[in-house]
C-alpha atoms as a PDB file:
ATOM      1  CA  MET A   1      39.298-133.504  -8.233  1.00  0.00           C
ATOM      2  CA  LYS A   2      39.190-132.031 -11.857  1.00  0.00           C
ATOM      3  CA  SER A   3      37.017-133.718 -13.507  1.00  0.00           C
ATOM      4  CA  LYS A   4      37.625-136.042 -16.337  1.00  0.00           C
ATOM      5  CA  THR A   5      34.993-136.359 -18.008  1.00  0.00           C
ATOM      6  CA  LEU A   6      33.939-134.822 -22.086  1.00  0.00           C
ATOM      7  CA  PRO A   7      34.988-131.251 -22.404  1.00  0.00           C
ATOM      8  CA  SER A   8      31.926-130.405 -24.541  1.00  0.00           C
ATOM      9  CA  ARG A   9      29.599-131.242 -21.813  1.00  0.00           C
ATOM     10  CA  ASN A  10      28.205-129.325 -18.890  1.00  0.00           C
ATOM     11  CA  GLY A  11      25.422-129.213 -16.009  1.00  0.00           C
ATOM     12  CA  LEU A  12      23.489-131.030 -14.494  1.00  0.00           C
ATOM     13  CA  LEU A  13      20.750-132.687 -14.852  1.00  0.00           C
ATOM     14  CA  ALA A  14      18.004-134.045 -12.093  1.00  0.00           C
ATOM     15  CA  GLY A  15      15.166-136.866 -12.152  1.00  0.00           C
ATOM     16  CA  GLY A  16      13.017-138.210 -10.366  1.00  0.00           C
ATOM     17  CA  ASN A  17      10.853-137.184  -7.390  1.00  0.00           C
ATOM     18  CA  TRP A  18       9.054-133.718  -8.805  1.00  0.00           C
ATOM     19  CA  ILE A  19       6.734-133.186  -4.548  1.00  0.00           C
ATOM     20  CA  ILE A  20       5.208-129.722  -2.858  1.00  0.00           C
ATOM     21  CA  ASP A  21       5.719-130.330   0.843  1.00  0.00           C
ATOM     22  CA  GLN A  22       2.671-128.813   2.520  1.00  0.00           C
ATOM     23  CA  VAL A  23       4.529-128.054   5.168  1.00  0.00           C
ATOM     24  CA  LYS A  24       2.281-127.404   8.901  1.00  0.00           C
ATOM     25  CA  ILE A  25       3.670-126.257  11.366  1.00  0.00           C
ATOM     26  CA  ILE A  26       1.510-128.209  14.818  1.00  0.00           C
ATOM     27  CA  ASP A  27       1.687-127.363  18.628  1.00  0.00           C
ATOM     28  CA  VAL A  28       1.640-131.496  19.617  1.00  0.00           C
ATOM     29  CA  TYR A  29       1.485-134.561  16.952  1.00  0.00           C
ATOM     30  CA  PRO A  30      -1.950-135.954  18.635  1.00  0.00           C
ATOM     31  CA  GLN A  31      -2.726-139.523  19.187  1.00  0.00           C
ATOM     32  CA  ARG A  32      -5.563-141.540  17.851  1.00  0.00           C
ATOM     33  CA  GLU A  33      -8.201-139.465  17.554  1.00  0.00           C
ATOM     34  CA  GLN A  34      -7.502-136.291  19.055  1.00  0.00           C
ATOM     35  CA  LEU A  35      -6.622-132.490  17.618  1.00  0.00           C
ATOM     36  CA  ALA A  36      -3.375-130.946  16.900  1.00  0.00           C
ATOM     37  CA  ASN A  37      -3.918-127.623  16.222  1.00  0.00           C
ATOM     38  CA  ILE A  38      -1.827-126.266  13.513  1.00  0.00           C
ATOM     39  CA  ARG A  39       0.185-122.788  13.925  1.00  0.00           C
ATOM     40  CA  ARG A  40       1.151-121.952  10.603  1.00  0.00           C
ATOM     41  CA  GLN A  41       1.861-123.377   7.283  1.00  0.00           C
ATOM     42  CA  SER A  42       4.051-122.567   4.273  1.00  0.00           C
ATOM     43  CA  GLN A  43       4.814-124.532   0.749  1.00  0.00           C
ATOM     44  CA  GLY A  44       7.400-125.815  -0.522  1.00  0.00           C
ATOM     45  CA  THR A  45       9.535-128.177  -2.755  1.00  0.00           C
ATOM     46  CA  GLY A  46       9.954-131.261  -2.425  1.00  0.00           C
ATOM     47  CA  GLY A  47      12.213-134.319  -3.782  1.00  0.00           C
ATOM     48  CA  SER A  48      15.663-134.529  -4.874  1.00  0.00           C
ATOM     49  CA  PRO A  49      15.557-132.846  -8.420  1.00  0.00           C
ATOM     50  CA  TYR A  50      13.718-130.698  -7.757  1.00  0.00           C
ATOM     51  CA  ASN A  51      15.354-129.576  -4.385  1.00  0.00           C
ATOM     52  CA  VAL A  52      19.013-129.734  -4.610  1.00  0.00           C
ATOM     53  CA  LEU A  53      17.877-128.071  -8.778  1.00  0.00           C
ATOM     54  CA  VAL A  54      16.439-125.543  -7.229  1.00  0.00           C
ATOM     55  CA  ASP A  55      19.352-124.756  -4.253  1.00  0.00           C
ATOM     56  CA  LEU A  56      21.881-125.496  -7.062  1.00  0.00           C
ATOM     57  CA  ALA A  57      20.102-122.233  -9.050  1.00  0.00           C
ATOM     58  CA  HIS A  58      19.923-119.939  -4.918  1.00  0.00           C
ATOM     59  CA  LEU A  59      23.534-120.906  -4.573  1.00  0.00           C
ATOM     60  CA  GLY A  60      24.156-119.096  -7.752  1.00  0.00           C
ATOM     61  CA  ALA A  61      25.457-121.655 -10.093  1.00  0.00           C
ATOM     62  CA  SER A  62      26.819-121.044 -12.910  1.00  0.00           C
ATOM     63  CA  PHE A  63      26.009-124.310 -15.028  1.00  0.00           C
ATOM     64  CA  PRO A  64      23.216-124.854 -17.032  1.00  0.00           C
ATOM     65  CA  LEU A  65      20.381-126.318 -14.574  1.00  0.00           C
ATOM     66  CA  MET A  66      17.914-129.250 -16.138  1.00  0.00           C
ATOM     67  CA  GLY A  67      14.905-131.551 -14.573  1.00  0.00           C
ATOM     68  CA  ALA A  68      13.137-134.432 -15.691  1.00  0.00           C
ATOM     69  CA  GLY A  69      10.217-135.858 -14.284  1.00  0.00           C
ATOM     70  CA  MET A  70       6.712-136.281 -14.743  1.00  0.00           C
ATOM     71  CA  VAL A  71       4.144-133.776 -13.090  1.00  0.00           C
ATOM     72  CA  GLY A  72       0.306-133.357 -13.045  1.00  0.00           C
ATOM     73  CA  ASP A  73      -1.542-131.947 -15.403  1.00  0.00           C
ATOM     74  CA  ASP A  74      -3.057-129.453 -12.319  1.00  0.00           C
ATOM     75  CA  ASP A  75      -2.748-125.967 -10.119  1.00  0.00           C
ATOM     76  CA  LEU A  76       0.343-127.943  -8.786  1.00  0.00           C
ATOM     77  CA  GLY A  77       2.188-129.231 -11.793  1.00  0.00           C
ATOM     78  CA  ARG A  78       1.829-125.929 -12.932  1.00  0.00           C
ATOM     79  CA  PHE A  79       3.916-124.268  -9.741  1.00  0.00           C
ATOM     80  CA  ILE A  80       6.129-126.142  -9.896  1.00  0.00           C
ATOM     81  CA  LEU A  81       7.084-125.621 -14.356  1.00  0.00           C
ATOM     82  CA  GLN A  82       6.209-122.101 -13.134  1.00  0.00           C
ATOM     83  CA  ASP A  83       8.999-122.001 -10.117  1.00  0.00           C
ATOM     84  CA  CYS A  84      11.343-123.612 -12.871  1.00  0.00           C
ATOM     85  CA  LYS A  85      10.547-121.262 -15.298  1.00  0.00           C
ATOM     86  CA  ARG A  86      12.134-119.131 -12.086  1.00  0.00           C
ATOM     87  CA  ASN A  87      14.859-120.557 -10.818  1.00  0.00           C
ATOM     88  CA  LYS A  88      15.782-120.896 -14.801  1.00  0.00           C
ATOM     89  CA  ILE A  89      15.333-124.303 -14.520  1.00  0.00           C
ATOM     90  CA  ASP A  90      15.739-126.580 -17.989  1.00  0.00           C
ATOM     91  CA  ALA A  91      12.536-128.309 -17.862  1.00  0.00           C
ATOM     92  CA  ARG A  92      12.159-129.533 -21.497  1.00  0.00           C
ATOM     93  CA  ASN A  93      11.945-132.996 -19.963  1.00  0.00           C
ATOM     94  CA  ILE A  94       9.795-132.892 -17.013  1.00  0.00           C
ATOM     95  CA  GLN A  95       6.498-134.755 -18.342  1.00  0.00           C
ATOM     96  CA  THR A  96       3.267-133.757 -17.812  1.00  0.00           C
ATOM     97  CA  THR A  97      -0.054-136.659 -17.562  1.00  0.00           C
ATOM     98  CA  PRO A  98      -3.848-135.689 -17.049  1.00  0.00           C
ATOM     99  CA  LYS A  99      -3.778-139.544 -15.716  1.00  0.00           C
ATOM    100  CA  TRP A 100      -2.172-138.868 -12.426  1.00  0.00           C
ATOM    101  CA  PRO A 101      -2.194-135.953 -10.103  1.00  0.00           C
ATOM    102  CA  THR A 102       1.277-133.613  -8.877  1.00  0.00           C
ATOM    103  CA  SER A 103       3.229-135.702  -5.627  1.00  0.00           C
ATOM    104  CA  TYR A 104       2.682-134.062  -2.678  1.00  0.00           C
ATOM    105  CA  THR A 105       3.828-134.687   0.899  1.00  0.00           C
ATOM    106  CA  ASP A 106       1.927-133.249   4.059  1.00  0.00           C
ATOM    107  CA  VAL A 107       4.711-132.371   6.560  1.00  0.00           C
ATOM    108  CA  MET A 108       3.829-132.320  10.090  1.00  0.00           C
ATOM    109  CA  THR A 109       6.367-130.374  12.339  1.00  0.00           C
ATOM    110  CA  GLU A 110       6.093-130.382  16.217  1.00  0.00           C
ATOM    111  CA  GLU A 111       7.036-127.182  17.275  1.00  0.00           C
ATOM    112  CA  SER A 112       8.203-127.945  20.331  1.00  0.00           C
ATOM    113  CA  ASN A 113      11.183-129.712  18.487  1.00  0.00           C
ATOM    114  CA  GLY A 114      10.637-129.988  14.954  1.00  0.00           C
ATOM    115  CA  HIS A 115       9.917-133.364  15.276  1.00  0.00           C
ATOM    116  CA  ARG A 116       8.144-134.377  11.376  1.00  0.00           C
ATOM    117  CA  THR A 117       5.522-137.067  10.399  1.00  0.00           C
ATOM    118  CA  PHE A 118       5.141-137.437   6.648  1.00  0.00           C
ATOM    119  CA  PHE A 119       1.735-138.569   4.968  1.00  0.00           C
ATOM    120  CA  HIS A 120       3.073-138.822   0.798  1.00  0.00           C
ATOM    121  CA  HIS A 121       0.782-139.156  -2.670  1.00  0.00           C
ATOM    122  CA  ARG A 122       3.364-140.584  -4.857  1.00  0.00           C
ATOM    123  CA  GLY A 123       1.674-139.573  -8.052  1.00  0.00           C
ATOM    124  CA  ALA A 124       2.768-138.796 -11.106  1.00  0.00           C
ATOM    125  CA  ASN A 125       6.310-140.096  -9.771  1.00  0.00           C
ATOM    126  CA  ALA A 126       5.014-143.214  -9.403  1.00  0.00           C
ATOM    127  CA  ILE A 127       5.017-143.672 -13.403  1.00  0.00           C
ATOM    128  CA  TRP A 128       8.012-142.396 -14.796  1.00  0.00           C
ATOM    129  CA  ASP A 129      10.490-144.922 -16.251  1.00  0.00           C
ATOM    130  CA  GLY A 130      12.837-142.151 -17.674  1.00  0.00           C
ATOM    131  CA  ASN A 131      12.264-143.783 -21.416  1.00  0.00           C
ATOM    132  CA  ASP A 132      11.598-140.420 -22.923  1.00  0.00           C
ATOM    133  CA  LEU A 133      15.404-139.162 -21.411  1.00  0.00           C
ATOM    134  CA  ASP A 134      17.710-139.318 -24.457  1.00  0.00           C
ATOM    135  CA  PHE A 135      20.711-138.718 -23.343  1.00  0.00           C
ATOM    136  CA  LYS A 136      23.242-138.415 -25.904  1.00  0.00           C
ATOM    137  CA  LYS A 137      21.032-135.138 -26.994  1.00  0.00           C
ATOM    138  CA  VAL A 138      21.078-134.030 -23.375  1.00  0.00           C
ATOM    139  CA  LYS A 139      24.497-131.838 -23.610  1.00  0.00           C
ATOM    140  CA  ALA A 140      24.884-132.514 -19.146  1.00  0.00           C
ATOM    141  CA  ARG A 141      27.506-133.899 -17.068  1.00  0.00           C
ATOM    142  CA  ILE A 142      26.328-134.940 -14.494  1.00  0.00           C
ATOM    143  CA  PHE A 143      22.704-137.004 -14.269  1.00  0.00           C
ATOM    144  CA  HIS A 144      21.867-136.861 -10.653  1.00  0.00           C
ATOM    145  CA  LEU A 145      18.655-139.610  -9.771  1.00  0.00           C
ATOM    146  CA  GLY A 146      16.920-139.417  -6.667  1.00  0.00           C
ATOM    147  CA  TYR A 147      14.986-140.433  -4.861  1.00  0.00           C
ATOM    148  CA  LEU A 148      15.710-145.090  -4.862  1.00  0.00           C
ATOM    149  CA  LEU A 149      12.690-146.549  -3.629  1.00  0.00           C
ATOM    150  CA  LEU A 150      10.175-144.364  -3.842  1.00  0.00           C
ATOM    151  CA  LEU A 151      10.100-143.837  -7.644  1.00  0.00           C
ATOM    152  CA  ASP A 152       7.872-146.917  -8.529  1.00  0.00           C
ATOM    153  CA  ALA A 153       8.637-147.330 -12.108  1.00  0.00           C
ATOM    154  CA  LEU A 154      12.194-147.241 -11.388  1.00  0.00           C
ATOM    155  CA  ASP A 155      11.846-149.479  -8.746  1.00  0.00           C
ATOM    156  CA  ALA A 156      11.012-152.374 -10.319  1.00  0.00           C
ATOM    157  CA  SER A 157      13.181-154.719 -11.709  1.00  0.00           C
ATOM    158  CA  ASP A 158      14.847-155.394 -14.605  1.00  0.00           C
ATOM    159  CA  ALA A 159      15.897-159.211 -15.871  1.00  0.00           C
ATOM    160  CA  LYS A 160      19.722-157.423 -17.506  1.00  0.00           C
ATOM    161  CA  TYR A 161      20.097-154.963 -14.618  1.00  0.00           C
ATOM    162  CA  GLY A 162      17.966-155.603 -11.740  1.00  0.00           C
ATOM    163  CA  THR A 163      16.251-152.807 -11.745  1.00  0.00           C
ATOM    164  CA  LYS A 164      15.064-150.312 -14.887  1.00  0.00           C
ATOM    165  CA  ALA A 165      16.694-146.961 -12.716  1.00  0.00           C
ATOM    166  CA  ALA A 166      19.741-149.416 -13.213  1.00  0.00           C
ATOM    167  CA  ALA A 167      18.400-149.298 -16.796  1.00  0.00           C
ATOM    168  CA  LEU A 168      19.094-145.862 -16.914  1.00  0.00           C
ATOM    169  CA  LEU A 169      22.080-145.405 -15.162  1.00  0.00           C
ATOM    170  CA  HIS A 170      23.976-146.728 -17.151  1.00  0.00           C
ATOM    171  CA  ALA A 171      22.126-145.170 -20.597  1.00  0.00           C
ATOM    172  CA  ALA A 172      23.297-141.829 -18.884  1.00  0.00           C
ATOM    173  CA  GLN A 173      27.365-143.866 -18.559  1.00  0.00           C
ATOM    174  CA  GLN A 174      27.453-144.805 -21.889  1.00  0.00           C
ATOM    175  CA  ALA A 175      26.226-142.017 -23.406  1.00  0.00           C
ATOM    176  CA  GLY A 176      29.125-140.005 -20.979  1.00  0.00           C
ATOM    177  CA  LEU A 177      27.401-138.754 -18.191  1.00  0.00           C
ATOM    178  CA  LYS A 178      28.191-138.792 -14.989  1.00  0.00           C
ATOM    179  CA  THR A 179      25.632-139.935 -12.605  1.00  0.00           C
ATOM    180  CA  SER A 180      24.900-140.188  -9.157  1.00  0.00           C
ATOM    181  CA  VAL A 181      22.017-141.113  -6.921  1.00  0.00           C
ATOM    182  CA  ASP A 182      20.492-139.943  -3.153  1.00  0.00           C
ATOM    183  CA  VAL A 183      17.923-142.656  -1.458  1.00  0.00           C
ATOM    184  CA  VAL A 184      14.817-142.150   0.573  1.00  0.00           C
ATOM    185  CA  SER A 185      14.664-142.930   3.977  1.00  0.00           C
ATOM    186  CA  GLU A 186      12.450-145.931   5.094  1.00  0.00           C
ATOM    187  CA  ASP A 187      12.414-148.782   7.869  1.00  0.00           C
ATOM    188  CA  SER A 188      12.453-150.797   5.118  1.00  0.00           C
ATOM    189  CA  ASP A 189      14.482-154.695   4.228  1.00  0.00           C
ATOM    190  CA  ARG A 190      14.191-153.476   0.123  1.00  0.00           C
ATOM    191  CA  PHE A 191      17.590-151.208  -0.425  1.00  0.00           C
ATOM    192  CA  GLY A 192      19.574-154.709  -1.067  1.00  0.00           C
ATOM    193  CA  ARG A 193      17.146-155.911  -4.062  1.00  0.00           C
ATOM    194  CA  ILE A 194      16.325-152.269  -4.989  1.00  0.00           C
ATOM    195  CA  VAL A 195      19.142-149.731  -4.368  1.00  0.00           C
ATOM    196  CA  SER A 196      22.624-152.510  -4.549  1.00  0.00           C
ATOM    197  CA  PRO A 197      21.691-152.641  -8.581  1.00  0.00           C
ATOM    198  CA  SER A 198      22.243-149.797  -9.450  1.00  0.00           C
ATOM    199  CA  LEU A 199      25.256-148.480  -7.742  1.00  0.00           C
ATOM    200  CA  LYS A 200      27.632-151.112 -10.654  1.00  0.00           C
ATOM    201  CA  TYR A 201      26.069-147.925 -12.624  1.00  0.00           C
ATOM    202  CA  VAL A 202      27.107-144.923 -10.207  1.00  0.00           C
ATOM    203  CA  ASP A 203      29.552-142.849 -10.289  1.00  0.00           C
ATOM    204  CA  TYR A 204      28.799-140.653  -7.005  1.00  0.00           C
ATOM    205  CA  CYS A 205      26.818-142.014  -4.160  1.00  0.00           C
ATOM    206  CA  ILE A 206      25.371-139.155  -1.967  1.00  0.00           C
ATOM    207  CA  LEU A 207      23.471-141.401   1.272  1.00  0.00           C
ATOM    208  CA  ASN A 208      23.183-140.391   5.200  1.00  0.00           C
ATOM    209  CA  GLU A 209      24.107-142.186   7.305  1.00  0.00           C
ATOM    210  CA  ILE A 210      20.689-144.394   7.723  1.00  0.00           C
ATOM    211  CA  GLU A 211      20.489-145.469   4.269  1.00  0.00           C
ATOM    212  CA  ALA A 212      24.263-146.575   3.683  1.00  0.00           C
ATOM    213  CA  GLY A 213      24.182-148.784   7.282  1.00  0.00           C
ATOM    214  CA  LYS A 214      20.504-150.225   5.671  1.00  0.00           C
ATOM    215  CA  THR A 215      22.291-150.820   2.024  1.00  0.00           C
ATOM    216  CA  THR A 216      25.292-152.038   3.048  1.00  0.00           C
ATOM    217  CA  GLY A 217      24.256-154.807   6.428  1.00  0.00           C
ATOM    218  CA  PHE A 218      25.769-152.280   9.059  1.00  0.00           C
ATOM    219  CA  ARG A 219      25.128-150.347  12.116  1.00  0.00           C
ATOM    220  CA  VAL A 220      26.696-146.728  12.264  1.00  0.00           C
ATOM    221  CA  ARG A 221      24.749-145.566  14.962  1.00  0.00           C
ATOM    222  CA  GLU A 222      25.268-147.442  18.274  1.00  0.00           C
ATOM    223  CA  PRO A 223      22.223-147.357  20.640  1.00  0.00           C
ATOM    224  CA  ASP A 224      23.296-144.633  22.504  1.00  0.00           C
ATOM    225  CA  GLY A 225      22.220-142.362  19.345  1.00  0.00           C
ATOM    226  CA  ARG A 226      26.884-142.360  19.197  1.00  0.00           C
ATOM    227  CA  LEU A 227      27.885-142.354  15.435  1.00  0.00           C
ATOM    228  CA  ASN A 228      30.524-145.570  15.575  1.00  0.00           C
ATOM    229  CA  THR A 229      32.916-144.053  12.857  1.00  0.00           C
ATOM    230  CA  THR A 230      34.130-147.530  11.795  1.00  0.00           C
ATOM    231  CA  SER A 231      31.196-148.597   9.987  1.00  0.00           C
ATOM    232  CA  LEU A 232      31.016-145.953   8.360  1.00  0.00           C
ATOM    233  CA  ARG A 233      33.924-146.149   6.942  1.00  0.00           C
ATOM    234  CA  HIS A 234      33.270-149.673   6.500  1.00  0.00           C
ATOM    235  CA  ALA A 235      29.700-148.635   5.129  1.00  0.00           C
ATOM    236  CA  ALA A 236      31.160-146.950   2.419  1.00  0.00           C
ATOM    237  CA  GLY A 237      33.891-149.335   0.800  1.00  0.00           C
ATOM    238  CA  ALA A 238      31.178-152.004   0.510  1.00  0.00           C
ATOM    239  CA  LEU A 239      29.374-149.312  -1.761  1.00  0.00           C
ATOM    240  CA  LEU A 240      32.740-149.181  -3.550  1.00  0.00           C
ATOM    241  CA  GLN A 241      33.342-152.870  -3.884  1.00  0.00           C
ATOM    242  CA  ALA A 242      29.245-152.901  -4.945  1.00  0.00           C
ATOM    243  CA  GLY A 243      30.748-151.397  -7.773  1.00  0.00           C
ATOM    244  CA  VAL A 244      30.156-147.456  -7.080  1.00  0.00           C
ATOM    245  CA  LYS A 245      32.877-145.917  -9.525  1.00  0.00           C
ATOM    246  CA  ASP A 246      33.946-143.219  -7.851  1.00  0.00           C
ATOM    247  CA  LEU A 247      33.330-141.716  -4.700  1.00  0.00           C
ATOM    248  CA  VAL A 248      31.354-142.428  -1.390  1.00  0.00           C
ATOM    249  CA  VAL A 249      29.669-139.838  -0.023  1.00  0.00           C
ATOM    250  CA  ILE A 250      27.807-140.314   3.529  1.00  0.00           C
ATOM    251  CA  HIS A 251      26.393-136.926   5.748  1.00  0.00           C
ATOM    252  CA  PHE A 252      24.914-137.213   9.186  1.00  0.00           C
ATOM    253  CA  PRO A 253      24.311-134.537  11.708  1.00  0.00           C
ATOM    254  CA  GLU A 254      27.692-134.637  12.726  1.00  0.00           C
ATOM    255  CA  GLY A 255      29.309-133.627   9.180  1.00  0.00           C
ATOM    256  CA  GLY A 256      30.364-135.550   6.275  1.00  0.00           C
ATOM    257  CA  PHE A 257      32.086-137.787   5.345  1.00  0.00           C
ATOM    258  CA  ALA A 258      33.257-139.531   1.530  1.00  0.00           C
ATOM    259  CA  ARG A 259      35.796-142.144   0.224  1.00  0.00           C
ATOM    260  CA  MET A 260      38.223-141.865  -2.526  1.00  0.00           C
ATOM    261  CA  ARG A 261      37.792-144.865  -4.927  1.00  0.00           C
ATOM    262  CA  SER A 262      42.007-144.020  -4.916  1.00  0.00           C
ATOM    263  CA  GLY A 263      41.281-144.962  -1.137  1.00  0.00           C
ATOM    264  CA  GLU A 264      41.584-141.672   0.620  1.00  0.00           C
ATOM    265  CA  ASP A 265      39.025-140.967   3.108  1.00  0.00           C
ATOM    266  CA  PHE A 266      37.773-137.063   3.810  1.00  0.00           C
ATOM    267  CA  TRP A 267      35.697-135.637   7.304  1.00  0.00           C
ATOM    268  CA  GLN A 268      33.969-132.912   7.706  1.00  0.00           C
ATOM    269  CA  SER A 269      32.451-131.389  10.438  1.00  0.00           C
ATOM    270  CA  SER A 270      29.701-129.964  10.028  1.00  0.00           C
ATOM    271  CA  LEU A 271      28.924-126.051  11.630  1.00  0.00           C
ATOM    272  CA  ASN A 272      27.768-125.318  15.667  1.00  0.00           C
ATOM    273  CA  LEU A 273      24.301-124.503  14.808  1.00  0.00           C
ATOM    274  CA  PRO A 274      22.301-122.932  18.405  1.00  0.00           C
ATOM    275  CA  PRO A 275      19.340-124.924  18.910  1.00  0.00           C
ATOM    276  CA  LYS A 276      17.358-121.830  17.916  1.00  0.00           C
ATOM    277  CA  TYR A 277      18.581-121.325  14.532  1.00  0.00           C
ATOM    278  CA  ILE A 278      17.025-124.484  13.629  1.00  0.00           C
ATOM    279  CA  ALA A 279      13.556-123.743  11.520  1.00  0.00           C
ATOM    280  CA  GLY A 280      13.071-127.765  10.723  1.00  0.00           C
ATOM    281  CA  THR A 281      15.120-130.293   9.281  1.00  0.00           C
ATOM    282  CA  ALA A 282      13.504-130.860   5.846  1.00  0.00           C
ATOM    283  CA  GLY A 283      15.805-130.209   2.259  1.00  0.00           C
ATOM    284  CA  ALA A 284      19.636-130.684   4.561  1.00  0.00           C
ATOM    285  CA  GLY A 285      20.320-133.926   2.760  1.00  0.00           C
ATOM    286  CA  ASP A 286      19.187-132.471  -0.307  1.00  0.00           C
ATOM    287  CA  ALA A 287      20.721-129.465   0.262  1.00  0.00           C
ATOM    288  CA  PHE A 288      24.037-131.270   1.223  1.00  0.00           C
ATOM    289  CA  ALA A 289      23.588-133.010  -1.716  1.00  0.00           C
ATOM    290  CA  ALA A 290      23.469-129.926  -3.943  1.00  0.00           C
ATOM    291  CA  GLY A 291      26.981-128.404  -1.982  1.00  0.00           C
ATOM    292  CA  VAL A 292      28.446-130.852  -2.970  1.00  0.00           C
ATOM    293  CA  LEU A 293      27.217-131.337  -6.524  1.00  0.00           C
ATOM    294  CA  MET A 294      28.022-128.451  -7.303  1.00  0.00           C
ATOM    295  CA  GLY A 295      31.680-128.983  -6.003  1.00  0.00           C
ATOM    296  CA  LEU A 296      32.693-131.543  -8.623  1.00  0.00           C
ATOM    297  CA  HIS A 297      30.130-130.232 -11.486  1.00  0.00           C
ATOM    298  CA  GLU A 298      33.622-127.675 -10.678  1.00  0.00           C
ATOM    299  CA  GLY A 299      36.399-129.678 -10.630  1.00  0.00           C
ATOM    300  CA  TRP A 300      36.743-128.531  -6.933  1.00  0.00           C
ATOM    301  CA  ASP A 301      39.059-130.427  -4.131  1.00  0.00           C
ATOM    302  CA  MET A 302      37.248-132.985  -2.359  1.00  0.00           C
ATOM    303  CA  GLN A 303      37.893-130.867   1.246  1.00  0.00           C
ATOM    304  CA  ARG A 304      36.401-127.932  -0.286  1.00  0.00           C
ATOM    305  CA  CYS A 305      32.837-130.210  -1.445  1.00  0.00           C
ATOM    306  CA  LEU A 306      32.041-131.202   2.084  1.00  0.00           C
ATOM    307  CA  PHE A 307      33.135-128.006   3.378  1.00  0.00           C
ATOM    308  CA  THR A 308      30.431-126.306   1.260  1.00  0.00           C
ATOM    309  CA  GLY A 309      27.497-128.928   1.908  1.00  0.00           C
ATOM    310  CA  VAL A 310      27.374-128.809   5.447  1.00  0.00           C
ATOM    311  CA  CYS A 311      27.593-124.908   4.337  1.00  0.00           C
ATOM    312  CA  THR A 312      24.513-125.382   2.072  1.00  0.00           C
ATOM    313  CA  ALA A 313      22.732-127.842   4.856  1.00  0.00           C
ATOM    314  CA  ALA A 314      23.026-124.953   7.866  1.00  0.00           C
ATOM    315  CA  ALA A 315      21.729-122.689   5.457  1.00  0.00           C
ATOM    316  CA  SER A 316      18.950-125.046   3.913  1.00  0.00           C
ATOM    317  CA  LEU A 317      18.644-125.503   8.728  1.00  0.00           C
ATOM    318  CA  SER A 318      16.690-121.942   8.952  1.00  0.00           C
ATOM    319  CA  ASP A 319      13.577-122.175   6.828  1.00  0.00           C
ATOM    320  CA  ALA A 320      10.697-125.191   7.722  1.00  0.00           C
ATOM    321  CA  THR A 321      10.389-125.566   3.948  1.00  0.00           C
ATOM    322  CA  CYS A 322      13.514-127.635   1.954  1.00  0.00           C
ATOM    323  CA  THR A 323      14.719-124.679   0.306  1.00  0.00           C
ATOM    324  CA  GLU A 324      14.015-121.247   1.123  1.00  0.00           C
ATOM    325  CA  GLY A 325      17.043-121.135   3.596  1.00  0.00           C
ATOM    326  CA  VAL A 326      19.615-121.432   0.878  1.00  0.00           C
ATOM    327  CA  LYS A 327      20.491-118.134  -0.432  1.00  0.00           C
ATOM    328  CA  SER A 328      23.868-117.505  -2.242  1.00  0.00           C
ATOM    329  CA  LEU A 329      26.996-119.562  -1.503  1.00  0.00           C
ATOM    330  CA  SER A 330      28.822-116.829   0.051  1.00  0.00           C
ATOM    331  CA  ALA A 331      25.732-115.740   2.487  1.00  0.00           C
ATOM    332  CA  ALA A 332      26.026-120.289   2.913  1.00  0.00           C
ATOM    333  CA  LEU A 333      29.786-120.122   3.134  1.00  0.00           C
ATOM    334  CA  LYS A 334      29.372-116.968   5.673  1.00  0.00           C
ATOM    335  CA  LEU A 335      27.540-119.488   7.555  1.00  0.00           C
ATOM    336  CA  ALA A 336      31.067-121.194   8.778  1.00  0.00           C
ATOM    337  CA  LYS A 337      32.246-117.828  10.067  1.00  0.00           C
ATOM    338  CA  LYS A 338      29.471-117.118  12.378  1.00  0.00           C
ATOM    339  CA  PHE A 339      28.553-119.763  13.805  1.00  0.00           C
ATOM    340  CA  GLY A 340      32.259-122.082  12.895  1.00  0.00           C
ATOM    341  CA  VAL A 341      32.431-125.916  13.487  1.00  0.00           C
ATOM    342  CA  ARG A 342      31.933-128.434  15.352  1.00  0.00           C
ATOM    343  CA  PRO A 343      34.592-130.078  17.415  1.00  0.00           C
ATOM    344  CA  GLU A 344      36.316-132.672  14.493  1.00  0.00           C
ATOM    345  CA  LEU A 345      34.861-135.231  14.298  1.00  0.00           C
ATOM    346  CA  GLU A 346      36.318-138.521  16.571  1.00  0.00           C
ATOM    347  CA  HIS A 347      38.025-141.788  13.810  1.00  0.00           C
ATOM    348  CA  SER A 348      40.196-143.814  13.940  1.00  0.00           C
END
């Protein structure tokens, strides 16, 4: 799929949640007022723009990487800015505020099964509204925004566009950028009210199957846990009908699916990873998005984009943090040769 954006535009600008994940591996998730032992802990990246940009840096993206958002004037904020510098991510649009702390999440990961429980502090992310961005001066080709539902100021209502996020995405499109969004998974009824208004100003919508189902009202998982591929396709179609301009991509543990505005469908099974390989699932969705966005920026065909996405997600699964498992693109693609892919997804 060849890019139709202006040739003068190059690079990916990612804005939204900048988070430090404090990953703690625990022996058991305790009942209330009971004790759990922390076996080991590590610190890592968190949030859509942070994870996606670092993953792209690790993959060896040849195009400029730019971040936008807000951090606190504290140790965690300074760590994020230094990390951007280490990874050659342009951080000039990441603001610093003394009024709010940098956002962080305590990720409690059960040692035996990898199940995660999140204790999140929104911090400075809650007040970032993107008003500081001048898209006419930004030379990026793609603007990726995430996570909707976890950016309080951008999730707020807007009289003209529905939400502040929708207004920001509209401004990016008007300036000639392709827009991409991601959504946080939550158990609520806010999806229609907060996510739907943005879809009219989105070129690439990248969600997991639960988020796609909640946004559109389709049940994509059967009670026994099986993926309902018919409902999945209906959800993708509904997202396009809601206004997504070019492409809907839905990822899930079994693989990925894409439907283009032209009506073409693409399926890609995930890698056949042994259970012992998986150190943690945090960040796998953002890694998938990074692989797909890399391909979209470079004009790759959709099947190659999806394949890169599942390989990058597989690399991410090798480490308990969100991004440390992702190495070079060639290393990610070699995982497919090492482990193979799952059987082809059944769909009619």
